[in-house]
C-alpha atoms as a PDB file:
ATOM      1  CA  MET A   1       3.182  27.319 -14.821  1.00  0.00           C
ATOM      2  CA  ASP A   2      -0.373  25.978 -14.994  1.00  0.00           C
ATOM      3  CA  THR A   3      -0.875  22.550 -13.425  1.00  0.00           C
ATOM      4  CA  ILE A   4      -3.512  20.316 -15.050  1.00  0.00           C
ATOM      5  CA  ARG A   5      -4.990  17.368 -13.123  1.00  0.00           C
ATOM      6  CA  LYS A   6      -6.415  14.744 -15.497  1.00  0.00           C
ATOM      7  CA  ASN A   7      -8.927  12.147 -14.325  1.00  0.00           C
ATOM      8  CA  MET A   8      -7.805   8.677 -15.407  1.00  0.00           C
ATOM      9  CA  ASP A   9     -10.933   6.660 -14.546  1.00  0.00           C
ATOM     10  CA  LYS A  10     -12.573   4.161 -16.891  1.00  0.00           C
ATOM     11  CA  ASP A  11     -14.907   6.689 -18.532  1.00  0.00           C
ATOM     12  CA  VAL A  12     -12.091   8.954 -19.741  1.00  0.00           C
ATOM     13  CA  ASN A  13      -9.999   8.671 -22.913  1.00  0.00           C
ATOM     14  CA  ASN A  14      -6.848   7.533 -21.172  1.00  0.00           C
ATOM     15  CA  VAL A  15      -4.959   6.984 -24.442  1.00  0.00           C
ATOM     16  CA  LYS A  16      -5.102  10.722 -25.102  1.00  0.00           C
ATOM     17  CA  ASN A  17      -4.021  11.499 -21.540  1.00  0.00           C
ATOM     18  CA  TYR A  18      -1.116   9.054 -21.772  1.00  0.00           C
ATOM     19  CA  GLN A  19       0.003  10.709 -24.993  1.00  0.00           C
ATOM     20  CA  GLN A  20      -0.050  14.139 -23.360  1.00  0.00           C
ATOM     21  CA  ALA A  21       2.058  12.759 -20.497  1.00  0.00           C
ATOM     22  CA  VAL A  22       4.441  11.000 -22.899  1.00  0.00           C
ATOM     23  CA  ASP A  23       4.903  14.179 -24.946  1.00  0.00           C
ATOM     24  CA  LEU A  24       5.702  16.164 -21.808  1.00  0.00           C
ATOM     25  CA  LEU A  25       8.153  13.539 -20.543  1.00  0.00           C
ATOM     26  CA  LYS A  26       9.925  13.272 -23.893  1.00  0.00           C
ATOM     27  CA  SER A  27      10.314  17.056 -23.929  1.00  0.00           C
ATOM     28  CA  GLY A  28      12.178  16.878 -20.601  1.00  0.00           C
ATOM     29  CA  GLU A  29       9.242  17.753 -18.337  1.00  0.00           C
ATOM     30  CA  VAL A  30       7.971  15.982 -15.234  1.00  0.00           C
ATOM     31  CA  VAL A  31       4.575  14.338 -14.669  1.00  0.00           C
ATOM     32  CA  ALA A  32       2.876  13.065 -11.501  1.00  0.00           C
ATOM     33  CA  PHE A  33       1.152   9.674 -11.619  1.00  0.00           C
ATOM     34  CA  PRO A  34      -0.357   7.131  -9.192  1.00  0.00           C
ATOM     35  CA  THR A  35       1.212   3.859  -8.137  1.00  0.00           C
ATOM     36  CA  GLU A  36      -0.173   1.231  -5.780  1.00  0.00           C
ATOM     37  CA  THR A  37       1.827   2.832  -2.936  1.00  0.00           C
ATOM     38  CA  VAL A  38       1.821   6.645  -3.298  1.00  0.00           C
ATOM     39  CA  TYR A  39       1.831   9.148  -6.167  1.00  0.00           C
ATOM     40  CA  GLY A  40       5.165   9.574  -7.920  1.00  0.00           C
ATOM     41  CA  LEU A  41       6.738  12.578  -9.645  1.00  0.00           C
ATOM     42  CA  GLY A  42       8.431  11.235 -12.749  1.00  0.00           C
ATOM     43  CA  GLY A  43      10.961  12.308 -15.325  1.00  0.00           C
ATOM     44  CA  ILE A  44      12.868  10.246 -17.893  1.00  0.00           C
ATOM     45  CA  ALA A  45      15.683   8.579 -15.957  1.00  0.00           C
ATOM     46  CA  THR A  46      18.268   8.951 -18.727  1.00  0.00           C
ATOM     47  CA  SER A  47      17.895  12.755 -18.857  1.00  0.00           C
ATOM     48  CA  ASP A  48      19.924  14.991 -16.547  1.00  0.00           C
ATOM     49  CA  ALA A  49      17.617  17.926 -17.291  1.00  0.00           C
ATOM     50  CA  ALA A  50      14.454  15.973 -16.442  1.00  0.00           C
ATOM     51  CA  VAL A  51      15.903  14.610 -13.210  1.00  0.00           C
ATOM     52  CA  LEU A  52      16.984  18.102 -12.155  1.00  0.00           C
ATOM     53  CA  LYS A  53      13.379  19.257 -12.619  1.00  0.00           C
ATOM     54  CA  ILE A  54      12.245  16.541 -10.181  1.00  0.00           C
ATOM     55  CA  TYR A  55      14.649  17.823  -7.527  1.00  0.00           C
ATOM     56  CA  GLU A  56      13.644  21.431  -8.204  1.00  0.00           C
ATOM     57  CA  ALA A  57       9.883  20.776  -8.065  1.00  0.00           C
ATOM     58  CA  LYS A  58      10.180  18.883  -4.774  1.00  0.00           C
ATOM     59  CA  GLY A  59      12.902  21.011  -3.187  1.00  0.00           C
ATOM     60  CA  ARG A  60      14.689  17.700  -2.649  1.00  0.00           C
ATOM     61  CA  PRO A  61      18.391  17.343  -1.722  1.00  0.00           C
ATOM     62  CA  SER A  62      20.337  16.131  -4.755  1.00  0.00           C
ATOM     63  CA  ASP A  63      22.293  13.530  -2.747  1.00  0.00           C
ATOM     64  CA  ASN A  64      19.092  11.535  -2.207  1.00  0.00           C
ATOM     65  CA  PRO A  65      18.867   8.826  -4.913  1.00  0.00           C
ATOM     66  CA  LEU A  66      15.745   8.228  -6.994  1.00  0.00           C
ATOM     67  CA  ILE A  67      13.972   4.947  -7.735  1.00  0.00           C
ATOM     68  CA  VAL A  68      13.706   4.001 -11.408  1.00  0.00           C
ATOM     69  CA  HIS A  69      10.343   2.631 -12.563  1.00  0.00           C
ATOM     70  CA  ILE A  70      10.028   0.292 -15.544  1.00  0.00           C
ATOM     71  CA  GLY A  71       7.032  -1.155 -17.364  1.00  0.00           C
ATOM     72  CA  THR A  72       8.303  -4.628 -18.306  1.00  0.00           C
ATOM     73  CA  ILE A  73      10.730  -7.085 -16.754  1.00  0.00           C
ATOM     74  CA  GLU A  74      12.614  -7.294 -20.057  1.00  0.00           C
ATOM     75  CA  GLU A  75      13.912  -3.759 -19.440  1.00  0.00           C
ATOM     76  CA  VAL A  76      15.851  -4.722 -16.332  1.00  0.00           C
ATOM     77  CA  GLU A  77      19.079  -5.706 -18.085  1.00  0.00           C
ATOM     78  CA  HIS A  78      19.105  -2.410 -20.015  1.00  0.00           C
ATOM     79  CA  TYR A  79      19.908  -0.520 -16.814  1.00  0.00           C
ATOM     80  CA  VAL A  80      21.601  -2.867 -14.339  1.00  0.00           C
ATOM     81  CA  THR A  81      24.294  -5.526 -14.442  1.00  0.00           C
ATOM     82  CA  ASN A  82      25.378  -8.604 -12.459  1.00  0.00           C
ATOM     83  CA  ILE A  83      21.755  -9.442 -11.692  1.00  0.00           C
ATOM     84  CA  SER A  84      21.821 -12.079  -8.959  1.00  0.00           C
ATOM     85  CA  ASP A  85      19.618 -15.156  -8.756  1.00  0.00           C
ATOM     86  CA  GLN A  86      18.052 -13.628  -5.636  1.00  0.00           C
ATOM     87  CA  ALA A  87      17.140 -10.509  -7.583  1.00  0.00           C
ATOM     88  CA  LYS A  88      15.562 -12.590 -10.332  1.00  0.00           C
ATOM     89  CA  GLN A  89      13.601 -14.594  -7.755  1.00  0.00           C
ATOM     90  CA  CYS A  90      12.303 -11.413  -6.104  1.00  0.00           C
ATOM     91  CA  MET A  91      11.313  -9.929  -9.457  1.00  0.00           C
ATOM     92  CA  ALA A  92       9.425 -13.089 -10.351  1.00  0.00           C
ATOM     93  CA  ALA A  93       7.670 -13.211  -6.965  1.00  0.00           C
ATOM     94  CA  PHE A  94       6.854  -9.550  -6.328  1.00  0.00           C
ATOM     95  CA  TRP A  95       6.755  -7.665  -9.642  1.00  0.00           C
ATOM     96  CA  PRO A  96       4.691  -5.840 -10.537  1.00  0.00           C
ATOM     97  CA  GLY A  97       4.389  -4.726  -6.939  1.00  0.00           C
ATOM     98  CA  PRO A  98       5.745  -2.593  -4.082  1.00  0.00           C
ATOM     99  CA  LEU A  99       9.329  -3.905  -4.019  1.00  0.00           C
ATOM    100  CA  THR A 100      12.345  -1.849  -5.103  1.00  0.00           C
ATOM    101  CA  ILE A 101      15.469  -3.907  -5.758  1.00  0.00           C
ATOM    102  CA  ILE A 102      18.911  -2.298  -5.544  1.00  0.00           C
ATOM    103  CA  CYS A 103      21.307  -3.646  -8.165  1.00  0.00           C
ATOM    104  CA  GLU A 104      24.601  -2.579  -9.741  1.00  0.00           C
ATOM    105  CA  VAL A 105      23.889   0.157 -12.270  1.00  0.00           C
ATOM    106  CA  LYS A 106      25.215  -0.022 -15.840  1.00  0.00           C
ATOM    107  CA  GLU A 107      27.631   2.762 -16.646  1.00  0.00           C
ATOM    108  CA  ASN A 108      26.655   5.626 -18.940  1.00  0.00           C
ATOM    109  CA  VAL A 109      22.991   4.646 -19.293  1.00  0.00           C
ATOM    110  CA  LEU A 110      21.017   6.384 -16.542  1.00  0.00           C
ATOM    111  CA  SER A 111      21.581   9.952 -15.422  1.00  0.00           C
ATOM    112  CA  THR A 112      24.140  10.059 -12.620  1.00  0.00           C
ATOM    113  CA  LYS A 113      21.723  12.455 -10.914  1.00  0.00           C
ATOM    114  CA  VAL A 114      19.360   9.486 -10.453  1.00  0.00           C
ATOM    115  CA  THR A 115      21.949   7.479  -8.541  1.00  0.00           C
ATOM    116  CA  ALA A 116      23.446  10.464  -6.666  1.00  0.00           C
ATOM    117  CA  GLY A 117      26.842   9.267  -7.911  1.00  0.00           C
ATOM    118  CA  LEU A 118      26.501   5.745  -6.478  1.00  0.00           C
ATOM    119  CA  LYS A 119      27.293   2.552  -8.390  1.00  0.00           C
ATOM    120  CA  THR A 120      23.865   1.135  -7.577  1.00  0.00           C
ATOM    121  CA  VAL A 121      20.274   1.950  -8.487  1.00  0.00           C
ATOM    122  CA  GLY A 122      16.866   0.901  -7.192  1.00  0.00           C
ATOM    123  CA  LEU A 123      14.491  -0.576  -9.790  1.00  0.00           C
ATOM    124  CA  ARG A 124      10.815  -1.374  -9.453  1.00  0.00           C
ATOM    125  CA  MET A 125       7.798  -2.242 -11.580  1.00  0.00           C
ATOM    126  CA  PRO A 126       4.692  -0.673 -10.034  1.00  0.00           C
ATOM    127  CA  ASN A 127       1.421  -2.564  -9.807  1.00  0.00           C
ATOM    128  CA  HIS A 128      -1.006   0.150 -10.891  1.00  0.00           C
ATOM    129  CA  PRO A 129      -2.796   0.299 -14.257  1.00  0.00           C
ATOM    130  CA  VAL A 130      -2.102   4.014 -14.746  1.00  0.00           C
ATOM    131  CA  ALA A 131       1.582   3.718 -13.865  1.00  0.00           C
ATOM    132  CA  LEU A 132       2.044   0.673 -16.095  1.00  0.00           C
ATOM    133  CA  GLY A 133       0.032   2.279 -18.891  1.00  0.00           C
ATOM    134  CA  LEU A 134       2.247   5.356 -18.797  1.00  0.00           C
ATOM    135  CA  LEU A 135       5.506   3.401 -18.611  1.00  0.00           C
ATOM    136  CA  ARG A 136       4.555   1.132 -21.499  1.00  0.00           C
ATOM    137  CA  ALA A 137       3.304   4.021 -23.640  1.00  0.00           C
ATOM    138  CA  LEU A 138       6.571   5.882 -22.982  1.00  0.00           C
ATOM    139  CA  GLY A 139       8.897   2.911 -23.446  1.00  0.00           C
ATOM    140  CA  GLU A 140      11.582   4.506 -21.285  1.00  0.00           C
ATOM    141  CA  PRO A 141      12.520   4.340 -17.588  1.00  0.00           C
ATOM    142  CA  ILE A 142      10.986   6.923 -15.248  1.00  0.00           C
ATOM    143  CA  ALA A 143      12.822   8.177 -12.180  1.00  0.00           C
ATOM    144  CA  ALA A 144      10.185   8.996  -9.594  1.00  0.00           C
ATOM    145  CA  PRO A 145      10.202   9.894  -5.909  1.00  0.00           C
ATOM    146  CA  SER A 146       6.929  10.664  -4.142  1.00  0.00           C
ATOM    147  CA  ALA A 147       5.073  13.645  -5.632  1.00  0.00           C
ATOM    148  CA  ASN A 148       5.183  16.001  -2.663  1.00  0.00           C
ATOM    149  CA  ARG A 149       7.301  18.841  -1.370  1.00  0.00           C
ATOM    150  CA  SER A 150      10.403  17.360   0.217  1.00  0.00           C
ATOM    151  CA  GLY A 151       9.921  16.432   3.872  1.00  0.00           C
ATOM    152  CA  LYS A 152       6.113  16.536   3.758  1.00  0.00           C
ATOM    153  CA  PRO A 153       3.773  13.522   3.997  1.00  0.00           C
ATOM    154  CA  SER A 154       3.639  11.520   0.781  1.00  0.00           C
ATOM    155  CA  PRO A 155       0.537  11.955  -1.420  1.00  0.00           C
ATOM    156  CA  THR A 156      -2.034   9.180  -1.645  1.00  0.00           C
ATOM    157  CA  GLU A 157      -4.545  11.142  -3.762  1.00  0.00           C
ATOM    158  CA  GLY A 158      -4.200  13.373  -6.819  1.00  0.00           C
ATOM    159  CA  ILE A 159      -5.468  16.386  -4.879  1.00  0.00           C
ATOM    160  CA  HIS A 160      -2.571  15.973  -2.418  1.00  0.00           C
ATOM    161  CA  VAL A 161      -0.135  16.355  -5.326  1.00  0.00           C
ATOM    162  CA  GLU A 162      -1.968  19.437  -6.536  1.00  0.00           C
ATOM    163  CA  GLU A 163      -1.875  20.987  -3.060  1.00  0.00           C
ATOM    164  CA  ASP A 164       1.906  20.536  -2.843  1.00  0.00           C
ATOM    165  CA  LEU A 165       3.060  21.082  -6.419  1.00  0.00           C
ATOM    166  CA  ARG A 166       0.504  23.377  -8.069  1.00  0.00           C
ATOM    167  CA  GLY A 167       2.384  25.775 -10.336  1.00  0.00           C
ATOM    168  CA  ARG A 168       5.555  23.668 -10.155  1.00  0.00           C
ATOM    169  CA  ILE A 169       4.640  20.800 -12.527  1.00  0.00           C
ATOM    170  CA  PRO A 170       2.532  20.710 -15.710  1.00  0.00           C
ATOM    171  CA  LEU A 171       0.445  17.521 -15.339  1.00  0.00           C
ATOM    172  CA  ILE A 172      -1.023  15.177 -12.732  1.00  0.00           C
ATOM    173  CA  LEU A 173      -2.562  11.889 -13.861  1.00  0.00           C
ATOM    174  CA  ASP A 174      -5.237  11.352 -11.210  1.00  0.00           C
ATOM    175  CA  GLY A 175      -6.012   7.676 -10.677  1.00  0.00           C
ATOM    176  CA  GLY A 176      -7.864   8.111  -7.384  1.00  0.00           C
ATOM    177  CA  ALA A 177      -6.695   6.999  -3.952  1.00  0.00           C
ATOM    178  CA  THR A 178      -3.715   4.646  -3.820  1.00  0.00           C
ATOM    179  CA  GLY A 179      -4.114   1.254  -2.193  1.00  0.00           C
ATOM    180  CA  ILE A 180      -1.176   0.458   0.087  1.00  0.00           C
ATOM    181  CA  GLY A 181      -0.459   3.984   1.299  1.00  0.00           C
ATOM    182  CA  VAL A 182       3.255   3.694   2.193  1.00  0.00           C
ATOM    183  CA  GLU A 183       6.140   3.615  -0.245  1.00  0.00           C
ATOM    184  CA  SER A 184       7.716   0.453  -1.625  1.00  0.00           C
ATOM    185  CA  THR A 185      10.050  -1.791   0.311  1.00  0.00           C
ATOM    186  CA  VAL A 186      13.669  -1.200  -0.717  1.00  0.00           C
ATOM    187  CA  ILE A 187      16.008  -4.199  -0.536  1.00  0.00           C
ATOM    188  CA  ASP A 188      19.722  -4.135  -1.333  1.00  0.00           C
ATOM    189  CA  LEU A 189      20.678  -7.330  -3.120  1.00  0.00           C
ATOM    190  CA  THR A 190      24.257  -6.231  -3.843  1.00  0.00           C
ATOM    191  CA  LEU A 191      25.267  -7.084  -0.270  1.00  0.00           C
ATOM    192  CA  GLN A 192      26.406 -10.485   0.981  1.00  0.00           C
ATOM    193  CA  ILE A 193      23.313 -10.616   3.205  1.00  0.00           C
ATOM    194  CA  PRO A 194      20.248  -9.087   1.530  1.00  0.00           C
ATOM    195  CA  THR A 195      19.282  -6.018   3.558  1.00  0.00           C
ATOM    196  CA  ILE A 196      16.026  -4.081   3.703  1.00  0.00           C
ATOM    197  CA  LEU A 197      16.919  -0.387   3.610  1.00  0.00           C
ATOM    198  CA  ARG A 198      13.318   0.818   3.766  1.00  0.00           C
ATOM    199  CA  PRO A 199      10.393  -1.333   4.938  1.00  0.00           C
ATOM    200  CA  GLY A 200       7.193  -1.199   2.921  1.00  0.00           C
ATOM    201  CA  GLY A 201       4.354  -3.223   1.444  1.00  0.00           C
ATOM    202  CA  VAL A 202       6.479  -6.350   0.911  1.00  0.00           C
ATOM    203  CA  THR A 203       7.491  -7.543   4.372  1.00  0.00           C
ATOM    204  CA  LYS A 204      10.642  -9.272   5.605  1.00  0.00           C
ATOM    205  CA  ASP A 205       8.725 -12.531   6.105  1.00  0.00           C
ATOM    206  CA  MET A 206       7.407 -12.430   2.548  1.00  0.00           C
ATOM    207  CA  ILE A 207      10.897 -11.928   1.103  1.00  0.00           C
ATOM    208  CA  GLU A 208      12.474 -14.605   3.310  1.00  0.00           C
ATOM    209  CA  ALA A 209       9.904 -17.100   2.055  1.00  0.00           C
ATOM    210  CA  VAL A 210      11.397 -16.589  -1.421  1.00  0.00           C
ATOM    211  CA  ILE A 211      15.164 -16.062  -0.940  1.00  0.00           C
ATOM    212  CA  GLY A 212      15.981 -17.039   2.641  1.00  0.00           C
ATOM    213  CA  PRO A 213      17.471 -14.911   5.450  1.00  0.00           C
ATOM    214  CA  VAL A 214      17.174 -11.130   5.107  1.00  0.00           C
ATOM    215  CA  ASN A 215      18.594  -8.442   7.361  1.00  0.00           C
ATOM    216  CA  GLU A 216      16.247  -5.640   8.472  1.00  0.00           C
ATOM    217  CA  PRO A 217      18.001  -3.268  10.900  1.00  0.00           C
ATOM    218  CA  ASN A 218      15.782  -1.070  13.041  1.00  0.00           C
ATOM    219  CA  HIS A 219      17.920   1.928  12.115  1.00  0.00           C
ATOM    220  CA  ILE A 220      20.293   1.982   9.150  1.00  0.00           C
ATOM    221  CA  GLU A 221      23.668   3.443  10.050  1.00  0.00           C
ATOM    222  CA  GLN A 222      24.462   6.125   7.501  1.00  0.00           C
ATOM    223  CA  GLN A 223      27.550   6.070   5.365  1.00  0.00           C
ATOM    224  CA  GLU A 224      29.338   9.246   4.366  1.00  0.00           C
ATOM    225  CA  GLY A 225      27.850  10.860   1.277  1.00  0.00           C
ATOM    226  CA  ALA A 226      24.685   9.775  -0.471  1.00  0.00           C
ATOM    227  CA  PRO A 227      22.314   7.248   1.124  1.00  0.00           C
ATOM    228  CA  LYS A 228      21.676   4.107  -0.931  1.00  0.00           C
ATOM    229  CA  ALA A 229      17.878   4.447  -0.812  1.00  0.00           C
ATOM    230  CA  PRO A 230      15.339   7.257  -0.511  1.00  0.00           C
ATOM    231  CA  GLY A 231      14.235   8.277   2.963  1.00  0.00           C
ATOM    232  CA  MET A 232      17.366   7.111   4.820  1.00  0.00           C
ATOM    233  CA  LYS A 233      19.008  10.448   5.553  1.00  0.00           C
ATOM    234  CA  TYR A 234      16.540  13.288   5.986  1.00  0.00           C
ATOM    235  CA  LYS A 235      13.485  13.968   8.120  1.00  0.00           C
ATOM    236  CA  HIS A 236      10.358  12.984   6.208  1.00  0.00           C
ATOM    237  CA  TYR A 237       6.577  12.950   6.271  1.00  0.00           C
ATOM    238  CA  SER A 238       6.156  15.859   8.683  1.00  0.00           C
ATOM    239  CA  PRO A 239       3.150  18.176   8.944  1.00  0.00           C
ATOM    240  CA  ASP A 240       3.758  21.768  10.064  1.00  0.00           C
ATOM    241  CA  ALA A 241       3.044  21.048  13.744  1.00  0.00           C
ATOM    242  CA  PRO A 242       5.493  18.814  15.647  1.00  0.00           C
ATOM    243  CA  VAL A 243       4.485  15.156  15.905  1.00  0.00           C
ATOM    244  CA  TYR A 244       4.836  13.060  19.066  1.00  0.00           C
ATOM    245  CA  LEU A 245       4.358   9.305  19.273  1.00  0.00           C
ATOM    246  CA  ILE A 246       2.160   7.704  21.932  1.00  0.00           C
ATOM    247  CA  GLU A 247       1.069   4.179  22.812  1.00  0.00           C
ATOM    248  CA  LYS A 248      -2.464   3.011  21.965  1.00  0.00           C
ATOM    249  CA  ASN A 249      -3.787   3.348  25.481  1.00  0.00           C
ATOM    250  CA  GLU A 250      -6.937   5.290  26.316  1.00  0.00           C
ATOM    251  CA  ALA A 251      -5.705   6.393  29.731  1.00  0.00           C
ATOM    252  CA  ALA A 252      -2.329   7.536  28.382  1.00  0.00           C
ATOM    253  CA  ILE A 253      -4.002   9.419  25.545  1.00  0.00           C
ATOM    254  CA  LYS A 254      -6.410  11.174  27.918  1.00  0.00           C
ATOM    255  CA  GLU A 255      -3.573  12.103  30.265  1.00  0.00           C
ATOM    256  CA  ALA A 256      -1.527  13.483  27.372  1.00  0.00           C
ATOM    257  CA  ILE A 257      -4.386  15.613  26.051  1.00  0.00           C
ATOM    258  CA  ASP A 258      -5.122  16.949  29.542  1.00  0.00           C
ATOM    259  CA  LYS A 259      -1.462  17.884  29.987  1.00  0.00           C
ATOM    260  CA  ILE A 260      -1.337  19.634  26.606  1.00  0.00           C
ATOM    261  CA  HIS A 261      -4.514  21.590  27.336  1.00  0.00           C
ATOM    262  CA  ALA A 262      -3.116  22.574  30.731  1.00  0.00           C
ATOM    263  CA  GLN A 263      -0.290  24.257  28.829  1.00  0.00           C
ATOM    264  CA  HIS A 264      -2.943  26.190  26.824  1.00  0.00           C
ATOM    265  CA  LYS A 265      -2.004  24.355  23.633  1.00  0.00           C
ATOM    266  CA  THR A 266      -4.160  22.614  21.039  1.00  0.00           C
ATOM    267  CA  VAL A 267      -3.675  19.052  19.853  1.00  0.00           C
ATOM    268  CA  ALA A 268      -4.665  16.758  17.001  1.00  0.00           C
ATOM    269  CA  LEU A 269      -4.942  13.039  17.729  1.00  0.00           C
ATOM    270  CA  LEU A 270      -4.148  10.505  15.001  1.00  0.00           C
ATOM    271  CA  ALA A 271      -5.369   7.054  16.005  1.00  0.00           C
ATOM    272  CA  PRO A 272      -7.584   4.122  15.013  1.00  0.00           C
ATOM    273  CA  GLU A 273     -11.299   4.955  15.042  1.00  0.00           C
ATOM    274  CA  LEU A 274     -11.953   3.195  18.340  1.00  0.00           C
ATOM    275  CA  TYR A 275      -9.565   5.612  20.088  1.00  0.00           C
ATOM    276  CA  ALA A 276     -11.490   8.704  18.988  1.00  0.00           C
ATOM    277  CA  ASN A 277     -11.294  11.188  21.844  1.00  0.00           C
ATOM    278  CA  GLU A 278     -13.695  14.096  22.092  1.00  0.00           C
ATOM    279  CA  GLN A 279     -11.224  16.012  24.244  1.00  0.00           C
ATOM    280  CA  ALA A 280      -8.755  16.344  21.357  1.00  0.00           C
ATOM    281  CA  ASP A 281      -9.168  19.564  19.390  1.00  0.00           C
ATOM    282  CA  TYR A 282      -9.006  17.523  16.183  1.00  0.00           C
ATOM    283  CA  PHE A 283      -9.207  13.793  15.528  1.00  0.00           C
ATOM    284  CA  PHE A 284      -7.994  12.189  12.308  1.00  0.00           C
ATOM    285  CA  SER A 285      -8.670   8.487  11.954  1.00  0.00           C
ATOM    286  CA  PHE A 286      -6.248   5.731  11.008  1.00  0.00           C
ATOM    287  CA  GLY A 287      -9.348   3.673  10.136  1.00  0.00           C
ATOM    288  CA  GLU A 288      -9.931   0.289  11.727  1.00  0.00           C
ATOM    289  CA  ASP A 289      -7.360  -0.965  14.216  1.00  0.00           C
ATOM    290  CA  THR A 290      -5.412  -2.959  11.614  1.00  0.00           C
ATOM    291  CA  GLN A 291      -2.014  -2.377  10.073  1.00  0.00           C
ATOM    292  CA  ALA A 292      -3.445  -2.383   6.552  1.00  0.00           C
ATOM    293  CA  ASP A 293      -5.895   0.389   7.447  1.00  0.00           C
ATOM    294  CA  MET A 294      -3.254   2.340   9.325  1.00  0.00           C
ATOM    295  CA  ALA A 295      -0.871   2.226   6.358  1.00  0.00           C
ATOM    296  CA  ALA A 296      -3.605   3.302   3.951  1.00  0.00           C
ATOM    297  CA  HIS A 297      -4.685   6.266   6.132  1.00  0.00           C
ATOM    298  CA  LEU A 298      -1.337   7.337   7.612  1.00  0.00           C
ATOM    299  CA  PHE A 299      -0.234  10.032   5.178  1.00  0.00           C
ATOM    300  CA  GLN A 300      -3.757  11.375   4.695  1.00  0.00           C
ATOM    301  CA  ALA A 301      -4.095  11.838   8.465  1.00  0.00           C
ATOM    302  CA  LEU A 302      -0.714  13.560   8.725  1.00  0.00           C
ATOM    303  CA  ARG A 303      -1.648  15.863   5.834  1.00  0.00           C
ATOM    304  CA  ALA A 304      -4.987  16.729   7.419  1.00  0.00           C
ATOM    305  CA  CYS A 305      -3.142  18.324  10.334  1.00  0.00           C
ATOM    306  CA  ASP A 306      -1.904  21.103   8.044  1.00  0.00           C
ATOM    307  CA  ALA A 307      -5.491  22.270   7.514  1.00  0.00           C
ATOM    308  CA  THR A 308      -5.609  23.074  11.246  1.00  0.00           C
ATOM    309  CA  THR A 309      -3.792  25.471  13.563  1.00  0.00           C
ATOM    310  CA  VAL A 310      -2.881  22.851  16.173  1.00  0.00           C
ATOM    311  CA  ASP A 311       0.222  23.303  18.288  1.00  0.00           C
ATOM    312  CA  LEU A 312       1.185  19.626  18.211  1.00  0.00           C
ATOM    313  CA  VAL A 313       0.121  16.214  16.968  1.00  0.00           C
ATOM    314  CA  LEU A 314      -0.171  12.937  18.886  1.00  0.00           C
ATOM    315  CA  ALA A 315       0.089   9.801  16.743  1.00  0.00           C
ATOM    316  CA  THR A 316      -0.528   6.316  18.100  1.00  0.00           C
ATOM    317  CA  VAL A 317       1.975   3.588  17.279  1.00  0.00           C
ATOM    318  CA  THR A 318       1.743  -0.058  16.265  1.00  0.00           C
ATOM    319  CA  SER A 319       3.801  -3.236  16.666  1.00  0.00           C
ATOM    320  CA  LEU A 320       6.773  -3.989  14.399  1.00  0.00           C
ATOM    321  CA  ASP A 321       5.441  -7.256  12.962  1.00  0.00           C
ATOM    322  CA  GLY A 322       4.188  -7.462   9.363  1.00  0.00           C
ATOM    323  CA  MET A 323       3.509  -4.010   7.878  1.00  0.00           C
ATOM    324  CA  GLY A 324       4.200  -2.501  11.295  1.00  0.00           C
ATOM    325  CA  SER A 325       7.886  -1.941  10.564  1.00  0.00           C
ATOM    326  CA  ALA A 326       6.964   0.172   7.511  1.00  0.00           C
ATOM    327  CA  ILE A 327       4.358   2.171   9.446  1.00  0.00           C
ATOM    328  CA  MET A 328       6.688   2.811  12.364  1.00  0.00           C
ATOM    329  CA  ASN A 329       9.523   3.776   9.999  1.00  0.00           C
ATOM    330  CA  ARG A 330       7.311   6.572   8.616  1.00  0.00           C
ATOM    331  CA  LEU A 331       5.931   7.612  11.999  1.00  0.00           C
ATOM    332  CA  GLU A 332       9.381   7.772  13.597  1.00  0.00           C
ATOM    333  CA  LYS A 333      10.606   9.974  10.749  1.00  0.00           C
ATOM    334  CA  ALA A 334       7.533  12.209  10.959  1.00  0.00           C
ATOM    335  CA  ALA A 335       8.110  12.633  14.691  1.00  0.00           C
ATOM    336  CA  GLY A 336      11.889  12.786  14.587  1.00  0.00           C
ATOM    337  CA  ASN A 337      11.714   9.884  17.087  1.00  0.00           C
ATOM    338  CA  GLN A 338       9.988  12.130  19.671  1.00  0.00           C
ATOM    339  CA  TRP A 339       7.626  10.437  22.123  1.00  0.00           C
ATOM    340  CA  PHE A 340       5.091  12.383  24.147  1.00  0.00           C
ATOM    341  CA  HIS A 341       6.996  11.969  27.417  1.00  0.00           C
ATOM    342  CA  ALA A 342       9.706  14.172  25.896  1.00  0.00           C
ATOM    343  CA  ILE A 343       7.448  17.220  26.339  1.00  0.00           C
ATOM    344  CA  ASP A 344       8.330  19.237  29.432  1.00  0.00           C
END
């Protein structure tokens, strides 16, 4: 299969590109497109055949549910039922935007392969002109996980999608670099206490300002069977070399690199720019020492490691306040919760 990457900037005839994407989607194919978080790989959410192609292209386990993207708030009641006041308040406050809301799914509307057999589904309305343009031109819901091979770092640029899925999908709508850089927050509003299942661009404090107390466990205990949200069950975001977490401390970083080199191994350091270390074999920047910059650069830095032959990767951590919980969620998954001191 040939994979075409279409530029969707202001000087291109986007109407024609949308129509090509719509035609492919309506024929049961999948299309990659940008959102404000990461690039998604979409298929029509009511089609079993289309959803299967998403799983096949990604190599994704079929018991991992998919988020359903919609273009207008009026579509919500087509796909979910028993919509709570809290859900309506969150939609009004954060849509379009990086918040996925888990609600009770209507029977016999969406493909059961989207929900992995659960009685709930995650809905979101992305805040990106290309994503919204595609959804509104299509007029149907799109199931879309991140547009990467399963387990690898999520794509924040069109070229990342092409690197992972070339020959596996027909079309990439390239809208340039995404803004936020980590996937949407997922909140379950079917529970007695609203619970964040995956932290993201909308923080706990932001949600609590709208609906009151929200639970955000550090680690979600898994139920038997399918997880209720993407990214809860399997290792994610990993480059080829093993990743180890390390504190942002110049002395600790230097000591770690010296120890790795003493073992005749090579290392890539992922850290804010001010921690650049010439002793590391490779350095990939998280940008300025802010959580916003770290989130925006995280997946790109992890992906850059695969263009090297390093034996291992050191990634500096951040605090859990604000966007920090989302960043650390991704880093802990990339590292399998391994810290540098675990190396013998």
